[in-house]
N, C-alpha and C. Protein backbone atom coordinates (compact mmCIF):
# COMPACT_ATOMS: atom_id res chain seq x y z
N MET A 1 0.82 -1.18 0.00
CA MET A 1 0.00 0.00 0.00
C MET A 1 0.87 1.26 0.00
N SER A 2 0.51 2.20 -0.78
CA SER A 2 1.24 3.45 -0.80
C SER A 2 0.43 4.52 -0.09
N GLU A 3 1.16 5.34 0.66
CA GLU A 3 0.49 6.42 1.39
C GLU A 3 0.46 7.68 0.54
N ILE A 4 -0.61 8.38 0.62
CA ILE A 4 -0.71 9.67 -0.07
C ILE A 4 -0.26 10.73 0.93
N VAL A 5 0.72 11.54 0.51
CA VAL A 5 1.27 12.57 1.37
C VAL A 5 0.37 13.80 1.30
N ASN A 6 -0.03 14.26 2.44
CA ASN A 6 -0.89 15.42 2.54
C ASN A 6 -0.05 16.69 2.31
N PRO A 7 -0.36 17.51 1.30
CA PRO A 7 0.43 18.72 1.04
C PRO A 7 0.43 19.70 2.21
N ASN A 8 -0.66 19.75 2.97
CA ASN A 8 -0.71 20.66 4.13
C ASN A 8 0.28 20.22 5.20
N ARG A 9 0.46 18.92 5.34
CA ARG A 9 1.40 18.41 6.34
C ARG A 9 2.84 18.78 5.98
N ILE A 10 3.18 18.69 4.72
CA ILE A 10 4.53 19.07 4.26
C ILE A 10 4.74 20.57 4.48
N ARG A 11 3.76 21.35 4.10
CA ARG A 11 3.85 22.81 4.27
C ARG A 11 4.02 23.17 5.75
N ASN A 12 3.24 22.57 6.61
CA ASN A 12 3.33 22.84 8.06
C ASN A 12 4.68 22.43 8.62
N THR A 13 5.22 21.32 8.15
CA THR A 13 6.54 20.87 8.61
C THR A 13 7.62 21.86 8.17
N VAL A 14 7.55 22.32 6.94
CA VAL A 14 8.51 23.30 6.43
C VAL A 14 8.41 24.60 7.23
N ILE A 15 7.21 25.06 7.51
CA ILE A 15 7.03 26.29 8.29
C ILE A 15 7.59 26.12 9.70
N ALA A 16 7.37 24.97 10.30
CA ALA A 16 7.89 24.72 11.65
C ALA A 16 9.41 24.76 11.67
N PHE A 17 10.05 24.10 10.69
CA PHE A 17 11.51 24.13 10.63
C PHE A 17 12.03 25.55 10.37
N ALA A 18 11.36 26.31 9.52
CA ALA A 18 11.77 27.69 9.24
C ALA A 18 11.64 28.54 10.50
N ALA A 19 10.57 28.35 11.27
CA ALA A 19 10.38 29.11 12.50
C ALA A 19 11.47 28.79 13.51
N ILE A 20 11.83 27.53 13.62
CA ILE A 20 12.91 27.13 14.54
C ILE A 20 14.23 27.75 14.11
N ALA A 21 14.53 27.67 12.81
CA ALA A 21 15.78 28.24 12.31
C ALA A 21 15.83 29.75 12.53
N LEU A 22 14.72 30.43 12.29
CA LEU A 22 14.65 31.88 12.49
C LEU A 22 14.83 32.23 13.96
N SER A 23 14.21 31.48 14.84
CA SER A 23 14.35 31.72 16.28
C SER A 23 15.80 31.57 16.73
N ILE A 24 16.47 30.55 16.24
CA ILE A 24 17.87 30.34 16.59
C ILE A 24 18.73 31.49 16.06
N ALA A 25 18.48 31.92 14.83
CA ALA A 25 19.25 33.03 14.25
C ALA A 25 19.03 34.31 15.04
N ILE A 26 17.80 34.59 15.43
CA ILE A 26 17.52 35.80 16.21
C ILE A 26 18.21 35.72 17.58
N PHE A 27 18.14 34.57 18.22
CA PHE A 27 18.78 34.39 19.52
C PHE A 27 20.28 34.68 19.44
N PHE A 28 20.95 34.07 18.47
CA PHE A 28 22.39 34.29 18.35
C PHE A 28 22.72 35.70 17.88
N GLY A 29 21.83 36.30 17.11
CA GLY A 29 22.04 37.70 16.71
C GLY A 29 22.05 38.63 17.90
N PHE A 30 21.13 38.42 18.84
CA PHE A 30 21.10 39.25 20.04
C PHE A 30 22.31 38.98 20.93
N GLN A 31 22.80 37.78 20.94
CA GLN A 31 23.97 37.44 21.75
C GLN A 31 25.20 38.19 21.28
N THR A 32 25.35 38.36 19.97
CA THR A 32 26.54 39.05 19.46
C THR A 32 26.46 40.55 19.68
N GLN A 33 25.25 41.11 19.81
CA GLN A 33 25.11 42.54 20.01
C GLN A 33 25.43 42.96 21.43
N THR A 34 25.38 42.06 22.39
CA THR A 34 25.60 42.45 23.78
C THR A 34 27.03 42.92 24.02
N GLY A 35 27.96 42.53 23.15
CA GLY A 35 29.34 42.95 23.33
C GLY A 35 29.62 44.35 22.80
N SER A 36 28.67 44.95 22.11
CA SER A 36 28.90 46.26 21.54
C SER A 36 28.89 47.33 22.64
N VAL A 37 29.43 48.47 22.31
CA VAL A 37 29.54 49.55 23.27
C VAL A 37 28.28 50.42 23.18
N SER A 38 27.53 50.51 24.25
CA SER A 38 26.31 51.32 24.22
C SER A 38 26.60 52.72 24.75
N LEU A 39 25.89 53.67 24.20
CA LEU A 39 26.02 55.06 24.65
C LEU A 39 25.56 55.18 26.10
N GLU A 40 24.49 54.47 26.44
CA GLU A 40 23.95 54.53 27.80
C GLU A 40 24.98 54.04 28.82
N ALA A 41 25.66 52.93 28.50
CA ALA A 41 26.67 52.40 29.42
C ALA A 41 27.84 53.38 29.55
N GLN A 42 28.26 53.97 28.43
CA GLN A 42 29.35 54.94 28.50
C GLN A 42 28.96 56.16 29.31
N ALA A 43 27.72 56.61 29.14
CA ALA A 43 27.26 57.78 29.89
C ALA A 43 27.25 57.50 31.39
N LYS A 44 26.84 56.30 31.76
CA LYS A 44 26.84 55.94 33.19
C LYS A 44 28.24 55.96 33.77
N ASP A 45 29.22 55.55 32.95
CA ASP A 45 30.61 55.49 33.42
C ASP A 45 31.36 56.81 33.25
N SER A 46 30.72 57.80 32.65
CA SER A 46 31.42 59.06 32.42
C SER A 46 31.53 59.87 33.72
N THR A 47 32.43 60.82 33.70
CA THR A 47 32.65 61.69 34.85
C THR A 47 31.51 62.69 34.96
N PRO A 48 30.92 62.85 36.14
CA PRO A 48 29.89 63.89 36.29
C PRO A 48 30.49 65.27 35.98
N ILE A 49 29.73 66.11 35.33
CA ILE A 49 30.24 67.42 34.90
C ILE A 49 30.73 68.25 36.08
N GLU A 50 30.04 68.15 37.23
CA GLU A 50 30.45 68.93 38.40
C GLU A 50 31.85 68.52 38.86
N VAL A 51 32.14 67.23 38.80
CA VAL A 51 33.47 66.72 39.19
C VAL A 51 34.50 67.16 38.17
N ALA A 52 34.16 67.03 36.89
CA ALA A 52 35.10 67.38 35.82
C ALA A 52 35.51 68.84 35.87
N MET A 53 34.60 69.72 36.24
CA MET A 53 34.90 71.14 36.26
C MET A 53 35.73 71.55 37.48
N SER A 54 35.92 70.64 38.41
CA SER A 54 36.63 71.03 39.63
C SER A 54 37.82 70.15 40.00
N ASN A 55 38.14 69.14 39.20
CA ASN A 55 39.22 68.24 39.62
C ASN A 55 40.58 68.53 39.00
N GLY A 56 40.70 69.60 38.23
CA GLY A 56 42.01 70.02 37.73
C GLY A 56 42.51 69.23 36.53
N LYS A 57 41.67 68.40 35.92
CA LYS A 57 42.05 67.67 34.72
C LYS A 57 41.31 68.27 33.52
N PRO A 58 41.92 68.22 32.34
CA PRO A 58 41.20 68.66 31.15
C PRO A 58 40.02 67.73 30.90
N THR A 59 39.04 68.22 30.14
CA THR A 59 37.79 67.48 29.95
C THR A 59 37.37 67.48 28.50
N LEU A 60 36.89 66.34 28.06
CA LEU A 60 36.21 66.23 26.77
C LEU A 60 34.74 65.98 27.09
N THR A 61 33.90 66.94 26.72
CA THR A 61 32.46 66.81 26.93
C THR A 61 31.81 66.46 25.60
N GLU A 62 31.02 65.39 25.62
CA GLU A 62 30.31 64.96 24.41
C GLU A 62 28.81 65.16 24.62
N PHE A 63 28.20 65.92 23.73
CA PHE A 63 26.75 66.04 23.68
C PHE A 63 26.28 64.99 22.68
N TYR A 64 25.37 64.13 23.10
CA TYR A 64 24.95 63.00 22.28
C TYR A 64 23.45 62.73 22.47
N ALA A 65 22.94 61.79 21.70
CA ALA A 65 21.58 61.26 21.90
C ALA A 65 21.62 59.78 21.52
N ASP A 66 20.80 59.00 22.18
CA ASP A 66 20.76 57.56 21.90
C ASP A 66 20.34 57.27 20.46
N TRP A 67 19.53 58.13 19.86
CA TRP A 67 19.04 57.92 18.50
C TRP A 67 20.02 58.39 17.43
N CYS A 68 21.08 59.04 17.82
CA CYS A 68 22.04 59.64 16.88
C CYS A 68 22.95 58.56 16.28
N THR A 69 22.83 58.35 14.98
CA THR A 69 23.63 57.32 14.32
C THR A 69 25.12 57.66 14.31
N SER A 70 25.46 58.93 14.21
CA SER A 70 26.86 59.34 14.26
C SER A 70 27.44 59.08 15.65
N CYS A 71 26.65 59.34 16.68
CA CYS A 71 27.09 59.08 18.06
C CYS A 71 27.31 57.58 18.26
N GLN A 72 26.39 56.78 17.75
CA GLN A 72 26.50 55.32 17.87
C GLN A 72 27.72 54.81 17.12
N ALA A 73 27.98 55.38 15.95
CA ALA A 73 29.12 54.95 15.14
C ALA A 73 30.44 55.23 15.85
N MET A 74 30.50 56.35 16.58
CA MET A 74 31.75 56.72 17.26
C MET A 74 31.93 56.04 18.62
N ALA A 75 30.88 55.45 19.15
CA ALA A 75 30.92 54.90 20.51
C ALA A 75 32.07 53.92 20.75
N PRO A 76 32.31 52.94 19.88
CA PRO A 76 33.42 52.01 20.15
C PRO A 76 34.79 52.70 20.16
N GLU A 77 34.98 53.64 19.23
CA GLU A 77 36.27 54.34 19.17
C GLU A 77 36.46 55.24 20.40
N LEU A 78 35.40 55.90 20.83
CA LEU A 78 35.49 56.74 22.02
C LEU A 78 35.74 55.90 23.27
N ALA A 79 35.17 54.71 23.31
CA ALA A 79 35.42 53.82 24.45
C ALA A 79 36.90 53.48 24.54
N GLN A 80 37.52 53.25 23.40
CA GLN A 80 38.97 52.96 23.39
C GLN A 80 39.77 54.18 23.83
N LEU A 81 39.38 55.37 23.36
CA LEU A 81 40.08 56.58 23.77
C LEU A 81 39.92 56.82 25.27
N LYS A 82 38.74 56.55 25.79
CA LYS A 82 38.50 56.72 27.23
C LYS A 82 39.41 55.81 28.03
N GLN A 83 39.58 54.58 27.57
CA GLN A 83 40.49 53.66 28.27
C GLN A 83 41.92 54.18 28.23
N LYS A 84 42.33 54.69 27.09
CA LYS A 84 43.71 55.16 26.93
C LYS A 84 43.99 56.42 27.75
N TYR A 85 43.02 57.34 27.81
CA TYR A 85 43.25 58.65 28.43
C TYR A 85 42.57 58.82 29.79
N THR A 86 42.05 57.77 30.35
CA THR A 86 41.25 57.89 31.58
C THR A 86 42.00 58.53 32.74
N GLU A 87 43.30 58.38 32.80
CA GLU A 87 44.08 58.96 33.90
C GLU A 87 44.32 60.45 33.73
N SER A 88 44.28 60.94 32.50
CA SER A 88 44.66 62.33 32.27
C SER A 88 43.55 63.23 31.74
N VAL A 89 42.41 62.66 31.36
CA VAL A 89 41.31 63.46 30.80
C VAL A 89 39.99 62.97 31.40
N ASN A 90 39.12 63.93 31.77
CA ASN A 90 37.74 63.60 32.15
C ASN A 90 36.94 63.40 30.87
N PHE A 91 36.07 62.41 30.86
CA PHE A 91 35.15 62.20 29.75
C PHE A 91 33.74 62.38 30.30
N VAL A 92 33.06 63.43 29.82
CA VAL A 92 31.72 63.78 30.26
C VAL A 92 30.77 63.55 29.09
N MET A 93 29.64 62.92 29.37
CA MET A 93 28.63 62.72 28.32
C MET A 93 27.31 63.32 28.78
N LEU A 94 26.76 64.20 27.94
CA LEU A 94 25.50 64.86 28.25
C LEU A 94 24.49 64.56 27.15
N ASN A 95 23.39 63.94 27.51
CA ASN A 95 22.35 63.56 26.56
C ASN A 95 21.48 64.78 26.25
N VAL A 96 21.43 65.15 25.00
CA VAL A 96 20.67 66.35 24.60
C VAL A 96 19.17 66.18 24.79
N ASP A 97 18.70 64.96 24.96
CA ASP A 97 17.28 64.73 25.19
C ASP A 97 16.89 64.91 26.65
N ASN A 98 17.86 65.17 27.50
CA ASN A 98 17.61 65.39 28.92
C ASN A 98 17.61 66.90 29.17
N ASN A 99 16.45 67.46 29.53
CA ASN A 99 16.34 68.91 29.74
C ASN A 99 17.25 69.42 30.85
N LYS A 100 17.75 68.54 31.69
CA LYS A 100 18.68 68.92 32.75
C LYS A 100 19.91 69.62 32.16
N TRP A 101 20.29 69.24 30.94
CA TRP A 101 21.51 69.78 30.33
C TRP A 101 21.24 70.97 29.42
N LEU A 102 20.03 71.52 29.44
CA LEU A 102 19.69 72.65 28.59
C LEU A 102 20.62 73.85 28.81
N PRO A 103 20.99 74.19 30.05
CA PRO A 103 21.93 75.32 30.19
C PRO A 103 23.26 75.08 29.47
N GLU A 104 23.77 73.86 29.54
CA GLU A 104 25.03 73.54 28.85
C GLU A 104 24.83 73.51 27.34
N ILE A 105 23.68 73.00 26.89
CA ILE A 105 23.38 72.96 25.46
C ILE A 105 23.36 74.38 24.90
N LEU A 106 22.74 75.29 25.62
CA LEU A 106 22.68 76.69 25.18
C LEU A 106 24.04 77.36 25.31
N ARG A 107 24.74 77.10 26.39
CA ARG A 107 26.06 77.72 26.63
C ARG A 107 27.05 77.39 25.52
N TYR A 108 27.05 76.12 25.08
CA TYR A 108 28.02 75.71 24.06
C TYR A 108 27.42 75.70 22.65
N ARG A 109 26.19 76.23 22.54
CA ARG A 109 25.51 76.39 21.24
C ARG A 109 25.45 75.09 20.45
N VAL A 110 24.97 74.06 21.10
CA VAL A 110 24.86 72.75 20.48
C VAL A 110 23.69 72.76 19.50
N ASP A 111 23.99 72.53 18.22
CA ASP A 111 22.93 72.47 17.22
C ASP A 111 23.07 71.27 16.30
N GLY A 112 24.05 70.45 16.56
CA GLY A 112 24.25 69.21 15.84
C GLY A 112 25.01 68.26 16.75
N ILE A 113 24.77 66.99 16.61
CA ILE A 113 25.45 66.02 17.48
C ILE A 113 26.04 64.90 16.63
N PRO A 114 27.10 64.31 17.10
CA PRO A 114 27.79 64.58 18.35
C PRO A 114 28.50 65.94 18.32
N HIS A 115 28.52 66.56 19.45
CA HIS A 115 29.16 67.87 19.62
C HIS A 115 30.15 67.70 20.76
N PHE A 116 31.42 67.97 20.50
CA PHE A 116 32.48 67.80 21.49
C PHE A 116 33.02 69.15 21.92
N VAL A 117 33.15 69.33 23.22
CA VAL A 117 33.73 70.55 23.78
C VAL A 117 34.98 70.15 24.54
N PHE A 118 36.11 70.74 24.15
CA PHE A 118 37.38 70.49 24.81
C PHE A 118 37.59 71.58 25.86
N ILE A 119 37.74 71.18 27.11
CA ILE A 119 37.83 72.12 28.22
C ILE A 119 39.18 71.91 28.91
N ASP A 120 39.90 73.02 29.13
CA ASP A 120 41.23 72.89 29.75
C ASP A 120 41.11 72.56 31.24
N ASP A 121 42.26 72.38 31.87
CA ASP A 121 42.27 71.98 33.29
C ASP A 121 41.80 73.08 34.23
N GLN A 122 41.58 74.28 33.71
CA GLN A 122 41.05 75.39 34.51
C GLN A 122 39.53 75.53 34.34
N GLY A 123 38.92 74.67 33.50
CA GLY A 123 37.48 74.71 33.29
C GLY A 123 37.04 75.63 32.16
N LYS A 124 37.98 76.07 31.32
CA LYS A 124 37.67 76.98 30.22
C LYS A 124 37.55 76.20 28.92
N ALA A 125 36.43 76.39 28.20
CA ALA A 125 36.25 75.75 26.90
C ALA A 125 37.22 76.39 25.92
N ILE A 126 38.06 75.57 25.30
CA ILE A 126 39.07 76.11 24.38
C ILE A 126 38.82 75.74 22.93
N ALA A 127 37.98 74.73 22.68
CA ALA A 127 37.70 74.32 21.30
C ALA A 127 36.47 73.44 21.26
N GLN A 128 35.89 73.36 20.06
CA GLN A 128 34.73 72.51 19.85
C GLN A 128 34.85 71.84 18.48
N THR A 129 34.36 70.62 18.40
CA THR A 129 34.22 69.94 17.12
C THR A 129 32.81 69.37 17.05
N ILE A 130 32.33 69.26 15.84
CA ILE A 130 30.96 68.78 15.65
C ILE A 130 30.98 67.64 14.64
N GLY A 131 30.23 66.60 14.93
CA GLY A 131 30.08 65.48 14.01
C GLY A 131 31.08 64.38 14.22
N GLU A 132 30.93 63.35 13.39
CA GLU A 132 31.83 62.20 13.48
C GLU A 132 33.26 62.65 13.21
N GLN A 133 34.15 62.20 14.07
CA GLN A 133 35.55 62.53 13.94
C GLN A 133 36.35 61.22 13.90
N PRO A 134 37.35 61.12 13.04
CA PRO A 134 38.18 59.93 13.04
C PRO A 134 38.93 59.82 14.38
N PRO A 135 39.22 58.62 14.81
CA PRO A 135 39.95 58.45 16.08
C PRO A 135 41.28 59.21 16.11
N SER A 136 41.95 59.28 14.97
CA SER A 136 43.24 59.98 14.93
C SER A 136 43.07 61.48 15.21
N VAL A 137 41.98 62.06 14.75
CA VAL A 137 41.69 63.48 15.01
C VAL A 137 41.40 63.69 16.49
N MET A 138 40.57 62.83 17.06
CA MET A 138 40.24 62.94 18.48
C MET A 138 41.49 62.76 19.33
N GLU A 139 42.31 61.81 18.97
CA GLU A 139 43.53 61.54 19.73
C GLU A 139 44.50 62.72 19.65
N ALA A 140 44.66 63.29 18.47
CA ALA A 140 45.55 64.45 18.32
C ALA A 140 45.04 65.62 19.16
N ASN A 141 43.73 65.84 19.17
CA ASN A 141 43.16 66.92 19.98
C ASN A 141 43.34 66.64 21.47
N LEU A 142 43.15 65.40 21.89
CA LEU A 142 43.34 65.06 23.31
C LEU A 142 44.79 65.23 23.74
N ASP A 143 45.72 64.81 22.88
CA ASP A 143 47.15 64.98 23.20
C ASP A 143 47.48 66.46 23.37
N ALA A 144 46.99 67.29 22.46
CA ALA A 144 47.24 68.73 22.55
C ALA A 144 46.58 69.33 23.80
N LEU A 145 45.38 68.87 24.11
CA LEU A 145 44.67 69.34 25.31
C LEU A 145 45.49 69.05 26.57
N ILE A 146 46.02 67.85 26.66
CA ILE A 146 46.82 67.45 27.81
C ILE A 146 48.10 68.27 27.90
N ASP A 147 48.71 68.53 26.74
CA ASP A 147 49.99 69.25 26.70
C ASP A 147 49.84 70.77 26.69
N HIS A 148 48.62 71.28 26.89
CA HIS A 148 48.35 72.72 26.87
C HIS A 148 48.79 73.38 25.57
N GLN A 149 48.55 72.69 24.46
CA GLN A 149 48.89 73.19 23.13
C GLN A 149 47.61 73.50 22.37
N PRO A 150 47.69 74.32 21.32
CA PRO A 150 46.51 74.54 20.48
C PRO A 150 46.06 73.23 19.85
N LEU A 151 44.77 73.01 19.82
CA LEU A 151 44.24 71.78 19.24
C LEU A 151 44.36 71.83 17.73
N PRO A 152 44.96 70.80 17.12
CA PRO A 152 45.18 70.83 15.67
C PRO A 152 43.90 70.75 14.85
N TYR A 153 42.86 70.17 15.42
CA TYR A 153 41.60 70.02 14.69
C TYR A 153 40.47 70.65 15.49
N ALA A 154 40.68 71.89 15.87
CA ALA A 154 39.75 72.57 16.77
C ALA A 154 38.42 72.92 16.12
N ALA A 155 38.37 73.04 14.84
CA ALA A 155 37.12 73.45 14.20
C ALA A 155 36.63 72.39 13.23
N SER A 156 36.89 71.13 13.54
CA SER A 156 36.49 70.04 12.64
C SER A 156 34.98 69.87 12.65
N THR A 157 34.45 69.58 11.50
CA THR A 157 33.02 69.27 11.38
C THR A 157 32.88 68.02 10.54
N GLY A 158 32.28 67.01 11.12
CA GLY A 158 32.02 65.76 10.41
C GLY A 158 30.52 65.58 10.25
N GLN A 159 30.10 64.35 9.97
CA GLN A 159 28.68 64.05 9.80
C GLN A 159 27.98 64.22 11.13
N THR A 160 26.85 64.94 11.11
CA THR A 160 26.11 65.21 12.34
C THR A 160 24.67 64.76 12.22
N SER A 161 24.01 64.69 13.35
CA SER A 161 22.56 64.53 13.41
C SER A 161 22.02 65.87 13.86
N ASP A 162 21.00 66.39 13.18
CA ASP A 162 20.43 67.68 13.55
C ASP A 162 19.79 67.60 14.92
N PHE A 163 19.91 68.68 15.63
CA PHE A 163 19.31 68.77 16.96
C PHE A 163 18.84 70.19 17.16
N LYS A 164 17.63 70.34 17.58
CA LYS A 164 17.07 71.66 17.89
C LYS A 164 16.68 71.67 19.35
N THR A 165 17.12 72.70 20.06
CA THR A 165 16.75 72.80 21.47
C THR A 165 15.27 73.07 21.58
N ARG A 166 14.69 72.53 22.62
CA ARG A 166 13.26 72.71 22.83
C ARG A 166 13.04 73.76 23.91
N VAL A 167 13.16 75.00 23.52
CA VAL A 167 12.96 76.10 24.44
C VAL A 167 11.56 76.65 24.18
N ASN A 168 10.76 76.76 25.22
CA ASN A 168 9.40 77.28 25.07
C ASN A 168 9.46 78.79 24.91
N THR A 169 8.91 79.26 23.80
CA THR A 169 8.85 80.70 23.56
C THR A 169 7.39 81.08 23.35
N PRO A 170 7.04 82.30 23.69
CA PRO A 170 5.66 82.73 23.49
C PRO A 170 5.25 82.59 22.03
N SER A 171 4.05 82.15 21.82
CA SER A 171 3.55 81.93 20.47
C SER A 171 2.73 83.13 20.01
N SER A 172 2.75 83.40 18.72
CA SER A 172 1.91 84.46 18.18
C SER A 172 0.56 83.90 17.74
N ASP A 173 0.35 82.61 17.93
CA ASP A 173 -0.91 81.97 17.58
C ASP A 173 -1.98 82.44 18.55
N PRO A 174 -3.08 83.04 18.06
CA PRO A 174 -4.11 83.57 18.96
C PRO A 174 -4.78 82.48 19.78
N ARG A 175 -4.66 81.21 19.38
CA ARG A 175 -5.26 80.13 20.15
C ARG A 175 -4.39 79.67 21.30
N SER A 176 -3.16 80.13 21.35
CA SER A 176 -2.28 79.71 22.44
C SER A 176 -2.62 80.46 23.71
N HIS A 177 -2.23 79.89 24.82
CA HIS A 177 -2.52 80.50 26.11
C HIS A 177 -1.59 81.66 26.44
N SER A 178 -0.53 81.80 25.64
CA SER A 178 0.43 82.85 25.95
C SER A 178 0.11 84.18 25.27
N SER A 179 -0.89 84.20 24.45
CA SER A 179 -1.28 85.47 23.84
C SER A 179 -2.77 85.66 24.01
N GLN A 180 -3.18 86.88 23.95
CA GLN A 180 -4.59 87.16 24.16
C GLN A 180 -5.30 87.15 22.82
N ALA A 181 -6.45 86.51 22.78
CA ALA A 181 -7.26 86.50 21.57
C ALA A 181 -7.93 87.85 21.39
N LYS A 182 -7.95 88.32 20.17
CA LYS A 182 -8.60 89.61 19.91
C LYS A 182 -10.06 89.36 19.57
N SER A 183 -10.90 90.15 20.12
CA SER A 183 -12.33 90.01 19.78
C SER A 183 -12.65 91.01 18.68
N GLY A 184 -13.60 90.62 17.92
CA GLY A 184 -13.85 91.60 16.92
C GLY A 184 -14.80 91.19 15.98
């Protein structure tokens, strides 16, 4: 006797095997991503700005956002620089999406990210760079910062993510609560 193979059974078996294979691929995909350098982890490990401004070491302040692809792209290279320079330079990270840092965002005129501010050991901002920077540029600037020399790439601009500060200003819209509606 020969058995007739049900086409639905074959299709269901193929779908089951595909689902298992996809699940395994997704599982291992997430496992490989855990070793990457996250901006959030770096920010947690960064020097608080209050400490950096008072401990007598030069400081590199990075304005970033978790959604910024340029910031994410630079994260592994910056992690390596932080390891290399941790004894001689403060690394401060300020998330532009946190309104707590609005005074600093306005003070340093942050309008694109990543935005780096190089601050000398006296707490004075001496240079700024905006956008993705090659590790060699960042390293040359850090070396000059430590040696109290002019930064060779002080006005570098690389690829940035646009950022607009969210400052509430009075609206001219008559429907807003900040202006009076005219009757007439």
